[in-house]
Amino acid sequence: MIIILCEANMQNVHVIGIDISKKTFDACAMFNGKNKKNSFNNNGTGCEELISWIKEFGLTDPHICMESTGSYSEAVADFLYNSGYKVSVINPLQVKSFRISKMIRQKTDKSDCEVIAMFCLQNFPVLWSPKSRENKELHEVNARIDTLKMELNRLINSLEKEIINKIVANSINEEMQFIKDMIKKLEQEALNIINDSPQLKRQYDILTEIKGIGTKTAMTILADMPDVSRFENAKQYAAFVGVTPSHFQSGTSVKGKSHISRLGSRKIRKALYMSAIVVKNHNNAFQAFVNRLVSKGKRPKVIIVAIMRKLLHIFFGILKSNKSFNQNLAFHC
């Protein structure tokens, strides 16, 4: 009887799954036991046609869901949000896992939008809201800095050859200097964006007040993490980054090693990892926390990951409350 009631309630829920590519996107609307699909160009005209298509069915407050595909999905999500629709932008790994759990072997644009709609119908993912203009600008600048640093490392590696033409070496060095100058210029622009926004400036200040949290980590958190208001608790905040424990156990005989899930942002994890090393070695507020893990026989890398997770919990608390780091509150248990 309970199952029947749940199915009846799901019939009254209207959802739309959207699978987005560079030039087009496919939509699947599920409502009143029906399943309708259509394709649109990934531009302003296509978004307007999507809304007209939705209105044809008289859908009641539909929940629209799409995978996070960077700039391709952001424009569509922005348009729908500004048009008054409920929007969720989800991790593609969630949809992949959902498809596997349903043993759906077919994978095309048409089937993908249907799977996304099914996922939305059964999981009610958290609603999405766009970042502020300042956050978007900071994200763009920070992403460009990361790209240039990757290119700089590639050039550094190319100079390590045993034999290299002198003119080629000079050319590489000149290019490296140009990239270094551009990185410096972009880092200053990022700080300008932060300083010009009272909210970002306050958040940046309370993050960098924590010894071991430098400019790069603070900027990455502000640029790439969703606003804390999207999360109910610190555990969800840490899970977004992928530093929550993942356990493997089956019955009483199969027990694998626990590890972090790695389902979130690799970029944020990389920045946190470097900060966690500094915190471990130089932040006295974490000393008792570290000593307790050492006394339990935890390996050095496990301790670093634990610090990463602890930092995210602290970030969540200070950004949520808009208050500076308090050691007594952070380590009260």
Protein backbone atom coordinates (compact mmCIF):
# COMPACT_ATOMS: atom_id res chain seq x y z
CA MET A 1 0.00 0.00 0.00
CA ILE A 2 2.84 2.36 0.83
CA ILE A 3 4.42 1.70 -2.56
CA ILE A 4 1.16 2.51 -4.31
CA LEU A 5 0.90 5.80 -2.44
CA CYS A 6 4.49 6.68 -3.32
CA GLU A 7 3.89 5.91 -7.00
CA ALA A 8 0.71 8.00 -6.91
CA ASN A 9 2.61 10.91 -5.42
CA MET A 10 5.38 10.57 -8.01
CA GLN A 11 2.77 10.76 -10.76
CA ASN A 12 1.95 14.28 -9.51
CA VAL A 13 5.59 15.38 -9.60
CA HIS A 14 6.64 17.02 -12.85
CA VAL A 15 10.33 16.72 -13.73
CA ILE A 16 12.49 17.54 -16.73
CA GLY A 17 15.90 16.04 -17.41
CA ILE A 18 18.26 17.91 -19.71
CA ASP A 19 21.39 16.47 -21.32
CA ILE A 20 23.63 19.28 -22.53
CA SER A 21 26.36 19.38 -25.15
CA LYS A 22 28.25 22.26 -26.73
CA LYS A 23 25.79 23.00 -29.55
CA THR A 24 22.53 21.33 -28.49
CA PHE A 25 20.65 19.94 -25.52
CA ASP A 26 18.00 17.22 -25.22
CA ALA A 27 15.11 17.45 -22.77
CA CYS A 28 12.86 14.75 -21.36
CA ALA A 29 9.67 15.79 -19.51
CA MET A 30 7.98 13.30 -17.19
CA PHE A 31 4.49 14.16 -16.00
CA ASN A 32 1.21 12.38 -15.31
CA GLY A 33 2.69 9.07 -16.45
CA LYS A 34 3.82 10.58 -19.76
CA ASN A 35 7.29 10.89 -21.23
CA LYS A 36 7.99 13.61 -23.81
CA LYS A 37 11.33 14.42 -25.47
CA ASN A 38 12.67 17.17 -27.66
CA SER A 39 15.97 18.68 -28.82
CA PHE A 40 17.03 22.35 -28.82
CA ASN A 41 19.98 24.48 -29.85
CA ASN A 42 22.22 25.45 -26.95
CA ASN A 43 21.69 29.19 -27.25
CA GLY A 44 19.23 31.87 -26.18
CA THR A 45 16.71 30.95 -28.87
CA GLY A 46 16.89 27.29 -27.89
CA CYS A 47 16.25 28.16 -24.22
CA GLU A 48 13.20 30.22 -25.17
CA GLU A 49 11.90 27.34 -27.30
CA LEU A 50 12.41 25.01 -24.33
CA ILE A 51 10.19 27.20 -22.13
CA SER A 52 7.51 27.34 -24.83
CA TRP A 53 7.70 23.54 -25.08
CA ILE A 54 7.32 23.21 -21.29
CA LYS A 55 4.28 25.50 -21.29
CA GLU A 56 2.58 23.38 -23.95
CA PHE A 57 2.11 20.62 -21.39
CA GLY A 58 0.85 22.89 -18.61
CA LEU A 59 3.38 21.48 -16.16
CA THR A 60 2.93 22.46 -12.52
CA ASP A 61 6.14 23.87 -11.05
CA PRO A 62 8.45 21.38 -12.83
CA HIS A 63 11.78 20.45 -11.28
CA ILE A 64 14.45 20.73 -13.98
CA CYS A 65 17.64 18.76 -13.59
CA MET A 66 20.91 18.71 -15.56
CA GLU A 67 24.49 17.55 -15.16
CA SER A 68 27.24 20.01 -14.39
CA THR A 69 29.13 20.51 -17.65
CA GLY A 70 30.82 23.83 -16.99
CA SER A 71 29.96 26.71 -19.29
CA TYR A 72 27.70 24.53 -21.44
CA SER A 73 25.23 23.94 -18.59
CA GLU A 74 25.70 27.20 -16.74
CA ALA A 75 24.05 29.37 -19.38
CA VAL A 76 20.99 27.09 -19.60
CA ALA A 77 20.72 26.86 -15.80
CA ASP A 78 20.98 30.65 -15.50
CA PHE A 79 18.26 31.18 -18.09
CA LEU A 80 15.84 28.72 -16.46
CA TYR A 81 16.53 30.04 -12.96
CA ASN A 82 15.92 33.64 -14.06
CA SER A 83 12.69 32.44 -15.73
CA GLY A 84 11.42 31.24 -12.35
CA TYR A 85 11.98 27.49 -12.63
CA LYS A 86 13.38 25.12 -10.00
CA VAL A 87 16.77 23.95 -11.22
CA SER A 88 19.25 21.34 -9.97
CA VAL A 89 22.78 21.02 -11.37
CA ILE A 90 24.23 17.67 -10.33
CA ASN A 91 27.54 15.83 -10.41
CA PRO A 92 27.73 13.63 -13.57
CA LEU A 93 29.02 10.79 -11.36
CA GLN A 94 25.65 10.71 -9.61
CA VAL A 95 23.87 10.11 -12.90
CA LYS A 96 26.44 7.52 -13.97
CA SER A 97 25.97 5.59 -10.72
CA PHE A 98 22.21 5.87 -11.05
CA ARG A 99 22.32 4.50 -14.61
CA ILE A 100 24.42 1.54 -13.46
CA SER A 101 22.07 0.86 -10.54
CA LYS A 102 19.15 0.67 -12.99
CA MET A 103 21.20 -1.51 -15.37
CA ILE A 104 20.54 0.87 -18.26
CA ARG A 105 23.00 -0.10 -20.99
CA GLN A 106 21.93 2.31 -23.72
CA LYS A 107 23.74 5.65 -23.68
CA THR A 108 22.69 8.33 -26.17
CA ASP A 109 21.69 11.96 -25.78
CA LYS A 110 18.04 10.91 -25.93
CA SER A 111 18.46 8.23 -23.27
CA ASP A 112 20.70 10.42 -21.08
CA CYS A 113 18.07 13.12 -20.63
CA GLU A 114 15.56 10.42 -19.65
CA VAL A 115 17.96 8.97 -17.07
CA ILE A 116 18.52 12.45 -15.63
CA ALA A 117 14.75 12.96 -15.39
CA MET A 118 14.38 9.58 -13.63
CA PHE A 119 17.16 10.54 -11.22
CA CYS A 120 15.42 13.83 -10.44
CA LEU A 121 12.09 12.09 -9.93
CA GLN A 122 13.49 9.60 -7.44
CA ASN A 123 16.12 11.65 -5.60
CA PHE A 124 14.81 15.25 -5.42
CA PRO A 125 18.33 16.79 -5.73
CA VAL A 126 19.15 20.03 -3.96
CA LEU A 127 18.10 23.19 -5.79
CA TRP A 128 20.71 25.27 -7.55
CA SER A 129 21.12 29.03 -7.55
CA PRO A 130 23.57 31.06 -9.66
CA LYS A 131 26.71 32.58 -8.24
CA SER A 132 27.05 36.33 -7.96
CA ARG A 133 28.79 38.25 -10.73
CA GLU A 134 31.83 38.67 -8.47
CA ASN A 135 32.02 34.94 -7.77
CA LYS A 136 31.78 34.13 -11.47
CA GLU A 137 34.57 36.59 -12.31
CA LEU A 138 36.73 35.17 -9.53
CA HIS A 139 36.09 31.65 -10.84
CA GLU A 140 37.14 32.66 -14.37
CA VAL A 141 40.34 34.34 -13.16
CA ASN A 142 41.22 31.46 -10.85
CA ALA A 143 40.64 28.92 -13.63
CA ARG A 144 42.89 30.90 -15.97
CA ILE A 145 45.64 31.00 -13.33
CA ASP A 146 45.47 27.21 -12.98
CA THR A 147 45.70 26.76 -16.75
CA LEU A 148 48.77 28.99 -16.96
CA LYS A 149 50.44 27.17 -14.05
CA MET A 150 49.94 23.86 -15.83
CA GLU A 151 51.53 25.31 -18.96
CA LEU A 152 54.40 26.71 -16.87
CA ASN A 153 55.09 23.27 -15.38
CA ARG A 154 55.08 21.77 -18.88
CA LEU A 155 57.70 24.29 -20.01
CA ILE A 156 59.83 23.68 -16.92
CA ASN A 157 59.81 19.97 -17.67
CA SER A 158 60.81 20.60 -21.28
CA LEU A 159 63.99 22.37 -20.08
CA GLU A 160 65.11 19.26 -18.19
CA LYS A 161 66.23 17.49 -21.36
CA GLU A 162 69.90 16.53 -21.39
CA ILE A 163 70.41 18.12 -24.77
CA ILE A 164 68.48 21.22 -25.82
CA ASN A 165 69.17 23.82 -28.47
CA LYS A 166 70.28 27.15 -26.99
CA ILE A 167 67.84 29.20 -29.05
CA VAL A 168 65.01 26.85 -28.11
CA ALA A 169 65.97 27.13 -24.43
CA ASN A 170 65.99 30.94 -24.65
CA SER A 171 62.59 30.88 -26.33
CA ILE A 172 61.18 28.65 -23.57
CA ASN A 173 62.62 30.88 -20.86
CA GLU A 174 61.09 33.97 -22.47
CA GLU A 175 57.72 32.22 -22.67
CA MET A 176 58.02 31.14 -19.04
CA GLN A 177 58.70 34.70 -17.95
CA PHE A 178 55.69 35.94 -19.92
CA ILE A 179 53.48 33.32 -18.21
CA LYS A 180 54.86 34.21 -14.77
CA ASP A 181 54.08 37.89 -15.40
CA MET A 182 50.56 37.00 -16.57
CA ILE A 183 49.95 34.82 -13.49
CA LYS A 184 51.08 37.66 -11.25
CA LYS A 185 48.74 40.05 -13.08
CA LEU A 186 45.78 37.64 -12.77
CA GLU A 187 46.47 37.01 -9.08
CA GLN A 188 46.30 40.74 -8.49
CA GLU A 189 43.04 40.91 -10.47
CA ALA A 190 41.61 38.14 -8.27
CA LEU A 191 42.52 40.13 -5.16
CA ASN A 192 40.96 43.24 -6.72
CA ILE A 193 37.69 41.36 -7.29
CA ILE A 194 37.73 40.21 -3.65
CA ASN A 195 38.58 43.64 -2.25
CA ASP A 196 35.82 45.31 -4.30
CA SER A 197 33.16 42.99 -2.82
CA PRO A 198 32.43 43.48 0.91
CA GLN A 199 31.05 39.94 1.19
CA LEU A 200 33.96 38.27 -0.60
CA LYS A 201 36.45 40.41 1.33
CA ARG A 202 34.92 39.34 4.66
CA GLN A 203 34.91 35.67 3.64
CA TYR A 204 38.48 35.89 2.37
CA ASP A 205 39.65 37.53 5.58
CA ILE A 206 38.11 34.94 7.93
CA LEU A 207 39.50 32.10 5.80
CA THR A 208 43.05 33.46 5.70
CA GLU A 209 42.97 34.23 9.44
CA ILE A 210 43.46 30.48 9.90
CA LYS A 211 47.21 29.87 10.00
CA GLY A 212 48.13 27.73 7.02
CA ILE A 213 45.32 28.92 4.75
CA GLY A 214 46.91 31.06 2.09
CA THR A 215 45.64 33.19 -0.75
CA LYS A 216 45.41 30.32 -3.25
CA THR A 217 43.30 28.06 -1.04
CA ALA A 218 41.02 30.90 0.05
CA MET A 219 40.47 32.00 -3.55
CA THR A 220 39.78 28.41 -4.64
CA ILE A 221 37.17 27.95 -1.91
CA LEU A 222 35.46 31.23 -2.79
CA ALA A 223 35.64 30.62 -6.55
CA ASP A 224 34.81 26.92 -6.83
CA MET A 225 32.74 25.92 -3.80
CA PRO A 226 28.98 26.57 -3.89
CA ASP A 227 27.66 28.98 -1.29
CA VAL A 228 27.35 27.35 2.16
CA SER A 229 23.63 28.12 2.16
CA ARG A 230 23.20 25.23 -0.31
CA PHE A 231 24.29 22.73 2.34
CA GLU A 232 22.42 21.63 5.44
CA ASN A 233 25.52 20.67 7.38
CA ALA A 234 29.32 20.50 7.28
CA LYS A 235 29.28 16.82 6.33
CA GLN A 236 27.50 17.63 3.06
CA TYR A 237 29.96 20.49 2.48
CA ALA A 238 32.92 18.11 2.84
CA ALA A 239 31.21 15.47 0.70
CA PHE A 240 31.01 17.96 -2.18
CA VAL A 241 34.81 18.07 -2.25
CA GLY A 242 35.14 14.29 -1.93
CA VAL A 243 37.05 13.99 1.35
CA THR A 244 34.41 12.04 3.25
CA PRO A 245 35.31 8.42 4.10
CA SER A 246 34.29 5.63 1.75
CA HIS A 247 34.09 2.24 3.48
CA PHE A 248 34.18 -1.19 1.87
CA GLN A 249 32.76 -4.07 3.87
CA SER A 250 30.63 -7.10 3.06
CA GLY A 251 29.42 -9.44 5.77
CA THR A 252 31.99 -10.43 8.39
CA SER A 253 34.81 -11.62 6.15
CA VAL A 254 35.29 -8.97 3.48
CA LYS A 255 36.75 -5.75 4.85
CA GLY A 256 38.62 -3.47 2.49
CA LYS A 257 40.59 -0.37 3.40
CA SER A 258 38.63 2.83 3.88
CA HIS A 259 39.53 5.74 1.62
CA ILE A 260 38.17 9.14 0.66
CA SER A 261 35.38 9.11 -1.90
CA ARG A 262 37.10 11.45 -4.43
CA LEU A 263 33.70 12.18 -5.95
CA GLY A 264 34.07 15.95 -5.74
CA SER A 265 36.41 18.63 -7.04
CA ARG A 266 39.98 17.48 -7.57
CA LYS A 267 41.06 21.10 -7.87
CA ILE A 268 39.76 21.96 -4.39
CA ARG A 269 41.26 18.79 -2.91
CA LYS A 270 44.67 19.71 -4.35
CA ALA A 271 44.58 23.18 -2.78
CA LEU A 272 43.38 21.75 0.54
CA TYR A 273 46.08 19.08 0.55
CA MET A 274 48.86 21.65 0.37
CA SER A 275 47.23 23.76 3.09
CA ALA A 276 46.72 20.71 5.31
CA ILE A 277 50.47 20.00 5.23
CA VAL A 278 51.21 23.57 6.37
CA VAL A 279 48.51 23.40 9.04
CA LYS A 280 49.89 20.11 10.37
CA ASN A 281 53.39 21.50 10.69
CA HIS A 282 52.75 25.08 11.77
CA ASN A 283 49.24 25.58 13.23
CA ASN A 284 49.31 24.89 17.00
CA ALA A 285 45.50 24.93 17.16
CA PHE A 286 45.52 21.57 15.35
CA GLN A 287 48.28 20.00 17.44
CA ALA A 288 46.06 18.09 19.87
CA PHE A 289 43.92 16.89 16.95
CA VAL A 290 47.00 15.64 15.12
CA ASN A 291 48.50 14.03 18.25
CA ARG A 292 45.28 12.12 18.88
CA LEU A 293 45.40 10.67 15.36
CA VAL A 294 49.09 9.77 15.76
CA SER A 295 48.35 7.98 19.05
CA LYS A 296 45.77 5.88 17.21
CA GLY A 297 48.42 4.74 14.76
CA LYS A 298 47.09 6.66 11.78
CA ARG A 299 49.40 6.92 8.80
CA PRO A 300 50.74 10.40 7.79
CA LYS A 301 48.59 10.59 4.64
CA VAL A 302 45.48 9.60 6.61
CA ILE A 303 46.23 12.40 9.05
CA ILE A 304 46.55 14.93 6.20
CA VAL A 305 43.18 13.85 4.79
CA ALA A 306 41.63 14.14 8.26
CA ILE A 307 42.97 17.70 8.49
CA MET A 308 41.52 18.45 5.04
CA ARG A 309 38.13 17.24 6.21
CA LYS A 310 38.42 19.17 9.47
CA LEU A 311 39.31 22.34 7.57
CA LEU A 312 36.20 22.01 5.42
CA HIS A 313 34.06 21.63 8.53
CA ILE A 314 35.69 24.77 9.93
CA PHE A 315 35.20 26.64 6.64
CA PHE A 316 31.53 25.69 6.68
CA GLY A 317 31.12 26.97 10.24
CA ILE A 318 32.88 30.30 9.82
CA LEU A 319 31.33 31.08 6.43
CA LYS A 320 27.86 30.09 7.64
CA SER A 321 28.13 32.20 10.80
CA ASN A 322 30.28 34.93 9.23
CA LYS A 323 32.54 34.70 12.29
CA SER A 324 36.28 34.22 12.66
CA PHE A 325 37.87 30.87 13.50
CA ASN A 326 37.39 29.90 17.14
CA GLN A 327 39.66 27.09 18.30
CA ASN A 328 37.43 26.17 21.25
CA LEU A 329 34.38 25.76 19.02
CA ALA A 330 36.30 23.91 16.31
CA PHE A 331 37.73 21.32 18.70
CA HIS A 332 35.03 21.19 21.37
CA CYS A 333 34.54 17.42 21.08
